[in-house]
Amino acid sequence: MAKESMIRYLPALVVTISAALSGYFAAYTGLRVELAGKAEERYVSEMDIRVARLETTINERFATKDDLSEFKREVLTKLTAIETVLAQRDLSDR
């Protein structure tokens, strides 16, 4: 009689253990997916910060097209003034 009752409850026990294990693995998988999502968000946030810092560094260290145009204009103005002074000296030396 004890064997019959054990045999009767054995499938229920197996189903219960299977359900508990499947719930555990579902929760574990869900947590892994959630943590992966948070890690990805953190990675994206860190990359945004790095890109912003890089943009700031580039803006501070490198000249823009307008800066280069202004520099070119200033250099040409100074060279023209030097050429004028040298031409005047050359004329006065003759």
PDB file of N, CA and C in Angstrom:
ATOM      1  N   MET A   1       0.809  -1.186   0.000  1.00  0.00           N
ATOM      2  CA  MET A   1       0.000   0.000   0.000  1.00  0.00           C
ATOM      3  C   MET A   1       0.865   1.268   0.000  1.00  0.00           C
ATOM      4  N   ALA A   2       1.930   1.270   0.757  1.00  0.00           N
ATOM      5  CA  ALA A   2       2.826   2.420   0.804  1.00  0.00           C
ATOM      6  C   ALA A   2       3.491   2.624  -0.538  1.00  0.00           C
ATOM      7  N   LYS A   3       3.817   1.513  -1.190  1.00  0.00           N
ATOM      8  CA  LYS A   3       4.431   1.622  -2.513  1.00  0.00           C
ATOM      9  C   LYS A   3       3.459   2.225  -3.503  1.00  0.00           C
ATOM     10  N   GLU A   4       2.207   1.837  -3.429  1.00  0.00           N
ATOM     11  CA  GLU A   4       1.198   2.370  -4.359  1.00  0.00           C
ATOM     12  C   GLU A   4       1.012   3.874  -4.161  1.00  0.00           C
ATOM     13  N   SER A   5       0.974   4.310  -2.929  1.00  0.00           N
ATOM     14  CA  SER A   5       0.803   5.740  -2.689  1.00  0.00           C
ATOM     15  C   SER A   5       2.039   6.527  -3.126  1.00  0.00           C
ATOM     16  N   MET A   6       3.235   5.947  -2.951  1.00  0.00           N
ATOM     17  CA  MET A   6       4.447   6.611  -3.425  1.00  0.00           C
ATOM     18  C   MET A   6       4.455   6.698  -4.941  1.00  0.00           C
ATOM     19  N   ILE A   7       4.025   5.620  -5.586  1.00  0.00           N
ATOM     20  CA  ILE A   7       3.984   5.608  -7.042  1.00  0.00           C
ATOM     21  C   ILE A   7       2.945   6.608  -7.539  1.00  0.00           C
ATOM     22  N   ARG A   8       1.864   6.780  -6.811  1.00  0.00           N
ATOM     23  CA  ARG A   8       0.824   7.720  -7.199  1.00  0.00           C
ATOM     24  C   ARG A   8       1.308   9.168  -7.051  1.00  0.00           C
ATOM     25  N   TYR A   9       2.079   9.462  -6.010  1.00  0.00           N
ATOM     26  CA  TYR A   9       2.537  10.820  -5.763  1.00  0.00           C
ATOM     27  C   TYR A   9       3.848  11.153  -6.483  1.00  0.00           C
ATOM     28  N   LEU A  10       4.540  10.160  -6.971  1.00  0.00           N
ATOM     29  CA  LEU A  10       5.806  10.374  -7.662  1.00  0.00           C
ATOM     30  C   LEU A  10       5.652  11.272  -8.895  1.00  0.00           C
ATOM     31  N   PRO A  11       4.663  11.038  -9.791  1.00  0.00           N
ATOM     32  CA  PRO A  11       4.510  11.970 -10.924  1.00  0.00           C
ATOM     33  C   PRO A  11       4.206  13.404 -10.477  1.00  0.00           C
ATOM     34  N   ALA A  12       3.421  13.533  -9.419  1.00  0.00           N
ATOM     35  CA  ALA A  12       3.123  14.875  -8.907  1.00  0.00           C
ATOM     36  C   ALA A  12       4.385  15.531  -8.369  1.00  0.00           C
ATOM     37  N   LEU A  13       5.216  14.756  -7.698  1.00  0.00           N
ATOM     38  CA  LEU A  13       6.467  15.280  -7.179  1.00  0.00           C
ATOM     39  C   LEU A  13       7.400  15.697  -8.318  1.00  0.00           C
ATOM     40  N   VAL A  14       7.473  14.866  -9.352  1.00  0.00           N
ATOM     41  CA  VAL A  14       8.315  15.189 -10.507  1.00  0.00           C
ATOM     42  C   VAL A  14       7.815  16.460 -11.182  1.00  0.00           C
ATOM     43  N   VAL A  15       6.501  16.583 -11.357  1.00  0.00           N
ATOM     44  CA  VAL A  15       5.942  17.785 -11.991  1.00  0.00           C
ATOM     45  C   VAL A  15       6.201  19.007 -11.123  1.00  0.00           C
ATOM     46  N   THR A  16       6.082  18.867  -9.822  1.00  0.00           N
ATOM     47  CA  THR A  16       6.322  19.986  -8.905  1.00  0.00           C
ATOM     48  C   THR A  16       7.779  20.428  -8.954  1.00  0.00           C
ATOM     49  N   ILE A  17       8.691  19.468  -8.924  1.00  0.00           N
ATOM     50  CA  ILE A  17      10.118  19.808  -8.998  1.00  0.00           C
ATOM     51  C   ILE A  17      10.448  20.439 -10.348  1.00  0.00           C
ATOM     52  N   SER A  18       9.857  19.896 -11.422  1.00  0.00           N
ATOM     53  CA  SER A  18      10.083  20.469 -12.757  1.00  0.00           C
ATOM     54  C   SER A  18       9.560  21.903 -12.831  1.00  0.00           C
ATOM     55  N   ALA A  19       8.396  22.148 -12.252  1.00  0.00           N
ATOM     56  CA  ALA A  19       7.826  23.495 -12.252  1.00  0.00           C
ATOM     57  C   ALA A  19       8.707  24.448 -11.457  1.00  0.00           C
ATOM     58  N   ALA A  20       9.200  23.986 -10.314  1.00  0.00           N
ATOM     59  CA  ALA A  20      10.074  24.838  -9.496  1.00  0.00           C
ATOM     60  C   ALA A  20      11.362  25.153 -10.238  1.00  0.00           C
ATOM     61  N   LEU A  21      11.958  24.148 -10.860  1.00  0.00           N
ATOM     62  CA  LEU A  21      13.193  24.387 -11.622  1.00  0.00           C
ATOM     63  C   LEU A  21      12.954  25.306 -12.808  1.00  0.00           C
ATOM     64  N   SER A  22      11.834  25.092 -13.500  1.00  0.00           N
ATOM     65  CA  SER A  22      11.567  25.950 -14.654  1.00  0.00           C
ATOM     66  C   SER A  22      11.308  27.383 -14.207  1.00  0.00           C
ATOM     67  N   GLY A  23      10.646  27.577 -13.085  1.00  0.00           N
ATOM     68  CA  GLY A  23      10.448  28.930 -12.545  1.00  0.00           C
ATOM     69  C   GLY A  23      11.768  29.573 -12.171  1.00  0.00           C
ATOM     70  N   TYR A  24      12.647  28.789 -11.559  1.00  0.00           N
ATOM     71  CA  TYR A  24      13.962  29.293 -11.183  1.00  0.00           C
ATOM     72  C   TYR A  24      14.748  29.730 -12.414  1.00  0.00           C
ATOM     73  N   PHE A  25      14.780  28.868 -13.441  1.00  0.00           N
ATOM     74  CA  PHE A  25      15.540  29.205 -14.638  1.00  0.00           C
ATOM     75  C   PHE A  25      14.908  30.364 -15.413  1.00  0.00           C
ATOM     76  N   ALA A  26      13.583  30.473 -15.371  1.00  0.00           N
ATOM     77  CA  ALA A  26      12.915  31.608 -16.022  1.00  0.00           C
ATOM     78  C   ALA A  26      13.295  32.908 -15.316  1.00  0.00           C
ATOM     79  N   ALA A  27      13.287  32.880 -13.983  1.00  0.00           N
ATOM     80  CA  ALA A  27      13.668  34.074 -13.218  1.00  0.00           C
ATOM     81  C   ALA A  27      15.138  34.412 -13.461  1.00  0.00           C
ATOM     82  N   TYR A  28      15.988  33.393 -13.475  1.00  0.00           N
ATOM     83  CA  TYR A  28      17.413  33.589 -13.720  1.00  0.00           C
ATOM     84  C   TYR A  28      17.653  34.195 -15.094  1.00  0.00           C
ATOM     85  N   THR A  29      16.985  33.649 -16.108  1.00  0.00           N
ATOM     86  CA  THR A  29      17.128  34.166 -17.470  1.00  0.00           C
ATOM     87  C   THR A  29      16.607  35.594 -17.558  1.00  0.00           C
ATOM     88  N   GLY A  30      15.471  35.853 -16.911  1.00  0.00           N
ATOM     89  CA  GLY A  30      14.919  37.210 -16.901  1.00  0.00           C
ATOM     90  C   GLY A  30      15.871  38.206 -16.274  1.00  0.00           C
ATOM     91  N   LEU A  31      16.496  37.817 -15.169  1.00  0.00           N
ATOM     92  CA  LEU A  31      17.466  38.706 -14.524  1.00  0.00           C
ATOM     93  C   LEU A  31      18.686  38.934 -15.400  1.00  0.00           C
ATOM     94  N   ARG A  32      19.148  37.884 -16.073  1.00  0.00           N
ATOM     95  CA  ARG A  32      20.291  38.050 -16.977  1.00  0.00           C
ATOM     96  C   ARG A  32      19.964  39.016 -18.098  1.00  0.00           C
ATOM     97  N   VAL A  33      18.763  38.895 -18.676  1.00  0.00           N
ATOM     98  CA  VAL A  33      18.361  39.789 -19.761  1.00  0.00           C
ATOM     99  C   VAL A  33      18.256  41.219 -19.248  1.00  0.00           C
ATOM    100  N   GLU A  34      17.681  41.383 -18.063  1.00  0.00           N
ATOM    101  CA  GLU A  34      17.539  42.721 -17.482  1.00  0.00           C
ATOM    102  C   GLU A  34      18.905  43.341 -17.189  1.00  0.00           C
ATOM    103  N   LEU A  35      19.810  42.549 -16.624  1.00  0.00           N
ATOM    104  CA  LEU A  35      21.157  43.049 -16.340  1.00  0.00           C
ATOM    105  C   LEU A  35      21.909  43.382 -17.624  1.00  0.00           C
ATOM    106  N   ALA A  36      21.719  42.567 -18.649  1.00  0.00           N
ATOM    107  CA  ALA A  36      22.370  42.856 -19.936  1.00  0.00           C
ATOM    108  C   ALA A  36      21.848  44.168 -20.507  1.00  0.00           C
ATOM    109  N   GLY A  37      20.546  44.401 -20.382  1.00  0.00           N
ATOM    110  CA  GLY A  37      19.973  45.667 -20.854  1.00  0.00           C
ATOM    111  C   GLY A  37      20.534  46.856 -20.100  1.00  0.00           C
ATOM    112  N   LYS A  38      20.651  46.709 -18.767  1.00  0.00           N
ATOM    113  CA  LYS A  38      21.215  47.800 -17.966  1.00  0.00           C
ATOM    114  C   LYS A  38      22.683  48.026 -18.311  1.00  0.00           C
ATOM    115  N   ALA A  39      23.408  46.944 -18.517  1.00  0.00           N
ATOM    116  CA  ALA A  39      24.826  47.078 -18.886  1.00  0.00           C
ATOM    117  C   ALA A  39      24.948  47.779 -20.232  1.00  0.00           C
ATOM    118  N   GLU A  40      24.061  47.450 -21.165  1.00  0.00           N
ATOM    119  CA  GLU A  40      24.092  48.098 -22.474  1.00  0.00           C
ATOM    120  C   GLU A  40      23.770  49.580 -22.344  1.00  0.00           C
ATOM    121  N   GLU A  41      22.773  49.924 -21.530  1.00  0.00           N
ATOM    122  CA  GLU A  41      22.432  51.337 -21.309  1.00  0.00           C
ATOM    123  C   GLU A  41      23.623  52.077 -20.710  1.00  0.00           C
ATOM    124  N   ARG A  42      24.282  51.434 -19.760  1.00  0.00           N
ATOM    125  CA  ARG A  42      25.440  52.065 -19.135  1.00  0.00           C
ATOM    126  C   ARG A  42      26.555  52.256 -20.156  1.00  0.00           C
ATOM    127  N   TYR A  43      26.779  51.247 -20.991  1.00  0.00           N
ATOM    128  CA  TYR A  43      27.803  51.335 -22.023  1.00  0.00           C
ATOM    129  C   TYR A  43      27.493  52.476 -22.987  1.00  0.00           C
ATOM    130  N   VAL A  44      26.230  52.582 -23.395  1.00  0.00           N
ATOM    131  CA  VAL A  44      25.832  53.655 -24.314  1.00  0.00           C
ATOM    132  C   VAL A  44      26.014  55.015 -23.646  1.00  0.00           C
ATOM    133  N   SER A  45      25.654  55.121 -22.377  1.00  0.00           N
ATOM    134  CA  SER A  45      25.829  56.388 -21.649  1.00  0.00           C
ATOM    135  C   SER A  45      27.304  56.763 -21.560  1.00  0.00           C
ATOM    136  N   GLU A  46      28.151  55.778 -21.260  1.00  0.00           N
ATOM    137  CA  GLU A  46      29.587  56.053 -21.189  1.00  0.00           C
ATOM    138  C   GLU A  46      30.127  56.476 -22.544  1.00  0.00           C
ATOM    139  N   MET A  47      29.655  55.850 -23.611  1.00  0.00           N
ATOM    140  CA  MET A  47      30.101  56.220 -24.957  1.00  0.00           C
ATOM    141  C   MET A  47      29.646  57.641 -25.292  1.00  0.00           C
ATOM    142  N   ASP A  48      28.425  58.021 -24.896  1.00  0.00           N
ATOM    143  CA  ASP A  48      27.955  59.383 -25.126  1.00  0.00           C
ATOM    144  C   ASP A  48      28.848  60.396 -24.421  1.00  0.00           C
ATOM    145  N   ILE A  49      29.229  60.074 -23.196  1.00  0.00           N
ATOM    146  CA  ILE A  49      30.107  60.973 -22.437  1.00  0.00           C
ATOM    147  C   ILE A  49      31.462  61.087 -23.119  1.00  0.00           C
ATOM    148  N   ARG A  50      32.005  59.954 -23.567  1.00  0.00           N
ATOM    149  CA  ARG A  50      33.309  59.979 -24.247  1.00  0.00           C
ATOM    150  C   ARG A  50      33.249  60.771 -25.543  1.00  0.00           C
ATOM    151  N   VAL A  51      32.175  60.605 -26.304  1.00  0.00           N
ATOM    152  CA  VAL A  51      32.035  61.350 -27.557  1.00  0.00           C
ATOM    153  C   VAL A  51      31.921  62.846 -27.272  1.00  0.00           C
ATOM    154  N   ALA A  52      31.171  63.208 -26.243  1.00  0.00           N
ATOM    155  CA  ALA A  52      31.041  64.620 -25.889  1.00  0.00           C
ATOM    156  C   ALA A  52      32.399  65.200 -25.498  1.00  0.00           C
ATOM    157  N   ARG A  53      33.179  64.441 -24.723  1.00  0.00           N
ATOM    158  CA  ARG A  53      34.520  64.916 -24.344  1.00  0.00           C
ATOM    159  C   ARG A  53      35.417  65.060 -25.557  1.00  0.00           C
ATOM    160  N   LEU A  54      35.323  64.102 -26.479  1.00  0.00           N
ATOM    161  CA  LEU A  54      36.124  64.157 -27.698  1.00  0.00           C
ATOM    162  C   LEU A  54      35.756  65.379 -28.535  1.00  0.00           C
ATOM    163  N   GLU A  55      34.458  65.649 -28.661  1.00  0.00           N
ATOM    164  CA  GLU A  55      34.019  66.833 -29.412  1.00  0.00           C
ATOM    165  C   GLU A  55      34.553  68.100 -28.774  1.00  0.00           C
ATOM    166  N   THR A  56      34.516  68.165 -27.446  1.00  0.00           N
ATOM    167  CA  THR A  56      35.034  69.342 -26.744  1.00  0.00           C
ATOM    168  C   THR A  56      36.525  69.496 -26.990  1.00  0.00           C
ATOM    169  N   THR A  57      37.252  68.393 -26.915  1.00  0.00           N
ATOM    170  CA  THR A  57      38.699  68.435 -27.145  1.00  0.00           C
ATOM    171  C   THR A  57      39.013  68.881 -28.566  1.00  0.00           C
ATOM    172  N   ILE A  58      38.278  68.348 -29.520  1.00  0.00           N
ATOM    173  CA  ILE A  58      38.497  68.728 -30.920  1.00  0.00           C
ATOM    174  C   ILE A  58      38.210  70.211 -31.110  1.00  0.00           C
ATOM    175  N   ASN A  59      37.120  70.691 -30.524  1.00  0.00           N
ATOM    176  CA  ASN A  59      36.782  72.106 -30.659  1.00  0.00           C
ATOM    177  C   ASN A  59      37.829  73.002 -30.012  1.00  0.00           C
ATOM    178  N   GLU A  60      38.442  72.528 -28.925  1.00  0.00           N
ATOM    179  CA  GLU A  60      39.450  73.343 -28.243  1.00  0.00           C
ATOM    180  C   GLU A  60      40.800  73.313 -28.954  1.00  0.00           C
ATOM    181  N   ARG A  61      41.166  72.169 -29.510  1.00  0.00           N
ATOM    182  CA  ARG A  61      42.520  72.005 -30.046  1.00  0.00           C
ATOM    183  C   ARG A  61      42.647  72.249 -31.540  1.00  0.00           C
ATOM    184  N   PHE A  62      41.599  72.157 -32.270  1.00  0.00           N
ATOM    185  CA  PHE A  62      41.679  72.282 -33.714  1.00  0.00           C
ATOM    186  C   PHE A  62      40.918  73.505 -34.190  1.00  0.00           C
ATOM    187  N   ALA A  63      41.413  74.079 -35.268  1.00  0.00           N
ATOM    188  CA  ALA A  63      40.810  75.285 -35.816  1.00  0.00           C
ATOM    189  C   ALA A  63      39.659  74.929 -36.753  1.00  0.00           C
ATOM    190  N   THR A  64      38.673  75.795 -36.782  1.00  0.00           N
ATOM    191  CA  THR A  64      37.566  75.607 -37.711  1.00  0.00           C
ATOM    192  C   THR A  64      37.929  76.234 -39.049  1.00  0.00           C
ATOM    193  N   LYS A  65      37.095  76.048 -40.027  1.00  0.00           N
ATOM    194  CA  LYS A  65      37.326  76.627 -41.349  1.00  0.00           C
ATOM    195  C   LYS A  65      37.351  78.156 -41.265  1.00  0.00           C
ATOM    196  N   ASP A  66      36.463  78.706 -40.455  1.00  0.00           N
ATOM    197  CA  ASP A  66      36.443  80.167 -40.284  1.00  0.00           C
ATOM    198  C   ASP A  66      37.723  80.656 -39.610  1.00  0.00           C
ATOM    199  N   ASP A  67      38.211  79.901 -38.623  1.00  0.00           N
ATOM    200  CA  ASP A  67      39.469  80.275 -37.956  1.00  0.00           C
ATOM    201  C   ASP A  67      40.621  80.281 -38.954  1.00  0.00           C
ATOM    202  N   LEU A  68      40.679  79.258 -39.796  1.00  0.00           N
ATOM    203  CA  LEU A  68      41.747  79.186 -40.799  1.00  0.00           C
ATOM    204  C   LEU A  68      41.637  80.319 -41.818  1.00  0.00           C
ATOM    205  N   SER A  69      40.423  80.668 -42.209  1.00  0.00           N
ATOM    206  CA  SER A  69      40.235  81.781 -43.155  1.00  0.00           C
ATOM    207  C   SER A  69      40.697  83.097 -42.537  1.00  0.00           C
ATOM    208  N   GLU A  70      40.355  83.301 -41.265  1.00  0.00           N
ATOM    209  CA  GLU A  70      40.775  84.518 -40.566  1.00  0.00           C
ATOM    210  C   GLU A  70      42.297  84.560 -40.441  1.00  0.00           C
ATOM    211  N   PHE A  71      42.905  83.433 -40.100  1.00  0.00           N
ATOM    212  CA  PHE A  71      44.365  83.362 -39.992  1.00  0.00           C
ATOM    213  C   PHE A  71      45.024  83.663 -41.334  1.00  0.00           C
ATOM    214  N   LYS A  72      44.487  83.082 -42.395  1.00  0.00           N
ATOM    215  CA  LYS A  72      45.026  83.319 -43.743  1.00  0.00           C
ATOM    216  C   LYS A  72      44.947  84.802 -44.096  1.00  0.00           C
ATOM    217  N   ARG A  73      43.807  85.417 -43.787  1.00  0.00           N
ATOM    218  CA  ARG A  73      43.631  86.837 -44.086  1.00  0.00           C
ATOM    219  C   ARG A  73      44.648  87.677 -43.320  1.00  0.00           C
ATOM    220  N   GLU A  74      44.856  87.357 -42.032  1.00  0.00           N
ATOM    221  CA  GLU A  74      45.822  88.107 -41.226  1.00  0.00           C
ATOM    222  C   GLU A  74      47.248  87.936 -41.758  1.00  0.00           C
ATOM    223  N   VAL A  75      47.606  86.710 -42.125  1.00  0.00           N
ATOM    224  CA  VAL A  75      48.956  86.454 -42.646  1.00  0.00           C
ATOM    225  C   VAL A  75      49.150  87.201 -43.962  1.00  0.00           C
ATOM    226  N   LEU A  76      48.163  87.147 -44.851  1.00  0.00           N
ATOM    227  CA  LEU A  76      48.281  87.864 -46.121  1.00  0.00           C
ATOM    228  C   LEU A  76      48.394  89.365 -45.909  1.00  0.00           C
ATOM    229  N   THR A  77      47.663  89.894 -44.942  1.00  0.00           N
ATOM    230  CA  THR A  77      47.746  91.330 -44.643  1.00  0.00           C
ATOM    231  C   THR A  77      49.150  91.684 -44.164  1.00  0.00           C
ATOM    232  N   LYS A  78      49.704  90.874 -43.266  1.00  0.00           N
ATOM    233  CA  LYS A  78      51.049  91.150 -42.757  1.00  0.00           C
ATOM    234  C   LYS A  78      52.104  90.983 -43.841  1.00  0.00           C
ATOM    235  N   LEU A  79      51.975  89.963 -44.682  1.00  0.00           N
ATOM    236  CA  LEU A  79      52.932  89.774 -45.777  1.00  0.00           C
ATOM    237  C   LEU A  79      52.864  90.934 -46.774  1.00  0.00           C
ATOM    238  N   THR A  80      51.659  91.403 -47.045  1.00  0.00           N
ATOM    239  CA  THR A  80      51.508  92.551 -47.944  1.00  0.00           C
ATOM    240  C   THR A  80      52.177  93.782 -47.346  1.00  0.00           C
ATOM    241  N   ALA A  81      52.003  93.960 -46.030  1.00  0.00           N
ATOM    242  CA  ALA A  81      52.658  95.103 -45.373  1.00  0.00           C
ATOM    243  C   ALA A  81      54.175  94.957 -45.434  1.00  0.00           C
ATOM    244  N   ILE A  82      54.695  93.768 -45.245  1.00  0.00           N
ATOM    245  CA  ILE A  82      56.149  93.535 -45.325  1.00  0.00           C
ATOM    246  C   ILE A  82      56.643  93.806 -46.746  1.00  0.00           C
ATOM    247  N   GLU A  83      55.903  93.312 -47.747  1.00  0.00           N
ATOM    248  CA  GLU A  83      56.284  93.561 -49.139  1.00  0.00           C
ATOM    249  C   GLU A  83      56.283  95.052 -49.454  1.00  0.00           C
ATOM    250  N   THR A  84      55.321  95.775 -48.924  1.00  0.00           N
ATOM    251  CA  THR A  84      55.243  97.223 -49.153  1.00  0.00           C
ATOM    252  C   THR A  84      56.455  97.920 -48.548  1.00  0.00           C
ATOM    253  N   VAL A  85      56.801  97.539 -47.316  1.00  0.00           N
ATOM    254  CA  VAL A  85      57.966  98.151 -46.658  1.00  0.00           C
ATOM    255  C   VAL A  85      59.240  97.826 -47.431  1.00  0.00           C
ATOM    256  N   LEU A  86      59.380  96.577 -47.865  1.00  0.00           N
ATOM    257  CA  LEU A  86      60.573  96.200 -48.615  1.00  0.00           C
ATOM    258  C   LEU A  86      60.636  96.906 -49.972  1.00  0.00           C
ATOM    259  N   ALA A  87      59.492  97.060 -50.608  1.00  0.00           N
ATOM    260  CA  ALA A  87      59.459  97.759 -51.903  1.00  0.00           C
ATOM    261  C   ALA A  87      59.826  99.230 -51.719  1.00  0.00           C
ATOM    262  N   GLN A  88      59.352  99.841 -50.649  1.00  0.00           N
ATOM    263  CA  GLN A  88      59.673 101.244 -50.385  1.00  0.00           C
ATOM    264  C   GLN A  88      61.170 101.410 -50.085  1.00  0.00           C
ATOM    265  N   ARG A  89      61.750 100.482 -49.328  1.00  0.00           N
ATOM    266  CA  ARG A  89      63.184 100.522 -49.048  1.00  0.00           C
ATOM    267  C   ARG A  89      63.996 100.362 -50.325  1.00  0.00           C
ATOM    268  N   ASP A  90      63.502  99.418 -51.166  1.00  0.00           N
ATOM    269  CA  ASP A  90      64.202  99.181 -52.430  1.00  0.00           C
ATOM    270  C   ASP A  90      64.178 100.434 -53.299  1.00  0.00           C
ATOM    271  N   LEU A  91      63.031 101.127 -53.329  1.00  0.00           N
ATOM    272  CA  LEU A  91      62.913 102.356 -54.124  1.00  0.00           C
ATOM    273  C   LEU A  91      63.769 103.474 -53.526  1.00  0.00           C
ATOM    274  N   SER A  92      63.824 103.548 -52.216  1.00  0.00           N
ATOM    275  CA  SER A  92      64.598 104.632 -51.600  1.00  0.00           C
ATOM    276  C   SER A  92      66.103 104.367 -51.689  1.00  0.00           C
ATOM    277  N   ASP A  93      66.513 103.129 -51.822  1.00  0.00           N
ATOM    278  CA  ASP A  93      67.927 102.787 -51.969  1.00  0.00           C
ATOM    279  C   ASP A  93      68.441 103.133 -53.378  1.00  0.00           C
ATOM    280  N   ARG A  94      67.602 103.249 -54.334  1.00  0.00           N
ATOM    281  CA  ARG A  94      68.026 103.528 -55.709  1.00  0.00           C
ATOM    282  C   ARG A  94      68.313 104.940 -55.883  1.00  0.00           C
TER     283      ARG A  94
END
